[in-house]
């Protein structure tokens, strides 16, 4: 009887581990598209707030602009802080100034993979949607960004 109990415990442990591993598998392409599209909408909305914040002060985005300043402006201006915190907690976020505007890049937290980069030149869409590409893009800012702003 004791052997049977140990075998059942071992079986349950293996089943539990297998279930946990399956639940942690990569998201399907459809799930990624749904998640990343919603995130892109948020970034576009954030872009409007950040640009308007600096314009209301008669300034352009400062040359020292970074992810910290990006979130500081959003904390002051964006009404849905849950959305802001969701982005902050789900992605590795980097930001830089771009000729009076800015760029914000979201990368995967565990991999060196760029998900998207919003160049803030089209306030109604994210310009670089790397998740749609055939192969993973490295988590680096786009050097040839001007072509996306035409």
Protein backbone atom coordinates (compact mmCIF):
# COMPACT_ATOMS: atom_id res chain seq x y z
CA UNK A 1 0.00 0.00 0.00
CA UNK A 2 2.83 2.39 0.87
CA UNK A 3 4.46 1.72 -2.51
CA UNK A 4 1.17 2.49 -4.27
CA UNK A 5 0.86 5.83 -2.43
CA UNK A 6 4.44 6.76 -3.40
CA UNK A 7 3.79 5.84 -7.03
CA UNK A 8 0.62 7.94 -7.08
CA UNK A 9 2.44 10.88 -5.49
CA UNK A 10 5.20 10.60 -8.10
CA UNK A 11 2.62 10.42 -10.89
CA UNK A 12 0.80 13.48 -9.58
CA UNK A 13 4.07 15.40 -9.28
CA UNK A 14 5.03 14.58 -12.88
CA UNK A 15 1.53 15.53 -14.09
CA UNK A 16 1.71 18.81 -12.19
CA UNK A 17 5.14 19.69 -13.61
CA UNK A 18 4.05 18.78 -17.14
CA UNK A 19 0.95 20.96 -16.74
CA UNK A 20 3.01 23.92 -15.52
CA UNK A 21 5.45 23.60 -18.40
CA UNK A 22 2.65 23.47 -20.94
CA UNK A 23 1.01 26.57 -19.44
CA UNK A 24 4.27 28.49 -19.74
CA UNK A 25 4.74 27.80 -23.44
CA UNK A 26 5.14 30.62 -25.93
CA UNK A 27 2.06 32.58 -26.88
CA UNK A 28 0.47 31.75 -30.19
CA UNK A 29 0.85 34.17 -33.07
CA UNK A 30 -2.78 35.19 -32.65
CA UNK A 31 -2.31 35.90 -28.93
CA UNK A 32 0.83 37.94 -29.64
CA UNK A 33 -0.93 39.94 -32.34
CA UNK A 34 -3.84 40.71 -30.00
CA UNK A 35 -1.53 41.71 -27.11
CA UNK A 36 0.95 43.71 -29.18
CA UNK A 37 -1.77 45.49 -31.17
CA UNK A 38 -3.37 46.65 -27.93
CA UNK A 39 0.04 47.79 -26.68
CA UNK A 40 0.63 49.70 -29.94
CA UNK A 41 -2.67 51.54 -29.45
CA UNK A 42 -1.55 52.49 -25.93
CA UNK A 43 1.83 53.75 -27.22
CA UNK A 44 0.10 55.90 -29.83
CA UNK A 45 -2.13 57.34 -27.14
CA UNK A 46 0.89 57.94 -24.88
CA UNK A 47 2.66 59.70 -27.74
CA UNK A 48 -0.14 62.25 -28.03
CA UNK A 49 0.10 62.99 -24.29
CA UNK A 50 3.90 63.27 -24.24
CA UNK A 51 4.09 65.55 -27.30
CA UNK A 52 1.21 67.70 -26.00
CA UNK A 53 2.89 67.97 -22.59
CA UNK A 54 6.05 69.51 -24.05
CA UNK A 55 4.16 71.67 -26.58
CA UNK A 56 1.99 73.10 -23.81
CA UNK A 57 5.19 74.33 -22.17
CA UNK A 58 6.44 75.81 -25.45
CA UNK A 59 9.21 73.20 -25.65
CA UNK A 60 10.26 70.32 -27.78
CA UNK A 61 11.27 66.99 -26.28
CA UNK A 62 14.56 67.63 -24.41
CA UNK A 63 17.86 66.16 -25.59
CA UNK A 64 18.11 64.30 -22.28
CA UNK A 65 14.82 62.45 -22.83
CA UNK A 66 14.87 58.82 -21.69
CA UNK A 67 12.51 56.11 -20.41
CA UNK A 68 12.47 57.68 -16.95
CA UNK A 69 11.25 61.01 -18.34
CA UNK A 70 8.78 59.19 -20.60
CA UNK A 71 7.13 57.61 -17.56
CA UNK A 72 7.37 60.81 -15.50
CA UNK A 73 5.39 62.71 -18.15
CA UNK A 74 2.82 59.91 -18.36
CA UNK A 75 2.44 59.86 -14.57
CA UNK A 76 1.59 63.58 -14.75
CA UNK A 77 -0.67 63.50 -17.79
CA UNK A 78 -2.14 60.08 -18.53
CA UNK A 79 -5.48 59.33 -16.88
CA UNK A 80 -5.21 55.51 -16.90
CA UNK A 81 -2.17 54.69 -14.80
CA UNK A 82 -2.98 50.97 -14.99
CA UNK A 83 -2.18 51.11 -18.72
CA UNK A 84 1.06 52.93 -18.04
CA UNK A 85 2.08 50.43 -15.36
CA UNK A 86 1.13 47.52 -17.60
CA UNK A 87 3.62 48.70 -20.24
CA UNK A 88 6.27 49.38 -17.61
CA UNK A 89 5.84 45.92 -16.08
CA UNK A 90 5.52 43.91 -19.29
CA UNK A 91 8.35 45.24 -21.46
CA UNK A 92 11.89 46.51 -21.32
CA UNK A 93 11.31 50.17 -22.22
CA UNK A 94 13.90 52.53 -23.73
CA UNK A 95 13.40 56.08 -25.01
CA UNK A 96 15.50 58.70 -26.80
CA UNK A 97 15.06 62.18 -28.26
CA UNK A 98 14.68 62.55 -32.06
CA UNK A 99 14.95 66.04 -33.56
CA UNK A 100 12.36 67.64 -31.30
CA UNK A 101 10.32 64.46 -30.94
CA UNK A 102 11.19 61.13 -29.41
CA UNK A 103 11.28 57.39 -29.90
CA UNK A 104 10.17 54.77 -27.40
CA UNK A 105 11.12 51.13 -27.90
CA UNK A 106 9.56 48.10 -26.24
CA UNK A 107 11.52 44.87 -26.03
CA UNK A 108 10.85 41.45 -24.60
CA UNK A 109 11.80 41.25 -20.91
CA UNK A 110 13.63 37.92 -21.27
CA UNK A 111 15.02 37.97 -24.80
CA UNK A 112 17.01 40.49 -26.82
CA UNK A 113 14.03 41.01 -29.13
CA UNK A 114 12.41 44.29 -30.14
CA UNK A 115 8.63 44.17 -30.13
CA UNK A 116 7.95 47.68 -31.46
CA UNK A 117 9.29 51.20 -31.69
CA UNK A 118 7.11 54.31 -31.74
CA UNK A 119 8.87 57.23 -33.38
CA UNK A 120 6.12 59.74 -32.41
CA UNK A 121 6.00 61.15 -35.93
CA UNK A 122 2.57 59.65 -36.66
CA UNK A 123 0.46 60.15 -33.58
CA UNK A 124 -2.15 57.63 -34.73
CA UNK A 125 0.12 54.58 -35.17
CA UNK A 126 3.33 52.90 -34.10
CA UNK A 127 5.81 53.07 -36.96
CA UNK A 128 7.90 49.94 -36.33
CA UNK A 129 5.99 46.76 -35.50
CA UNK A 130 8.83 44.27 -35.23
CA UNK A 131 6.66 41.45 -33.92
CA UNK A 132 5.12 41.17 -37.40
CA UNK A 133 8.47 40.33 -39.01
CA UNK A 134 9.64 36.88 -40.07
CA UNK A 135 12.61 36.88 -37.74
CA UNK A 136 13.24 38.52 -34.36
CA UNK A 137 14.66 42.04 -34.47
CA UNK A 138 17.43 42.91 -32.00
CA UNK A 139 16.54 45.27 -29.19
CA UNK A 140 18.22 48.37 -30.66
CA UNK A 141 16.87 51.71 -31.79
CA UNK A 142 16.26 52.15 -35.51
CA UNK A 143 19.11 54.12 -37.09
CA UNK A 144 17.24 54.92 -40.31
CA UNK A 145 14.17 56.20 -38.53
CA UNK A 146 13.45 59.13 -40.89
CA UNK A 147 12.16 56.79 -43.60
CA UNK A 148 9.31 55.79 -41.26
CA UNK A 149 8.28 59.40 -40.70
CA UNK A 150 7.60 60.37 -44.31
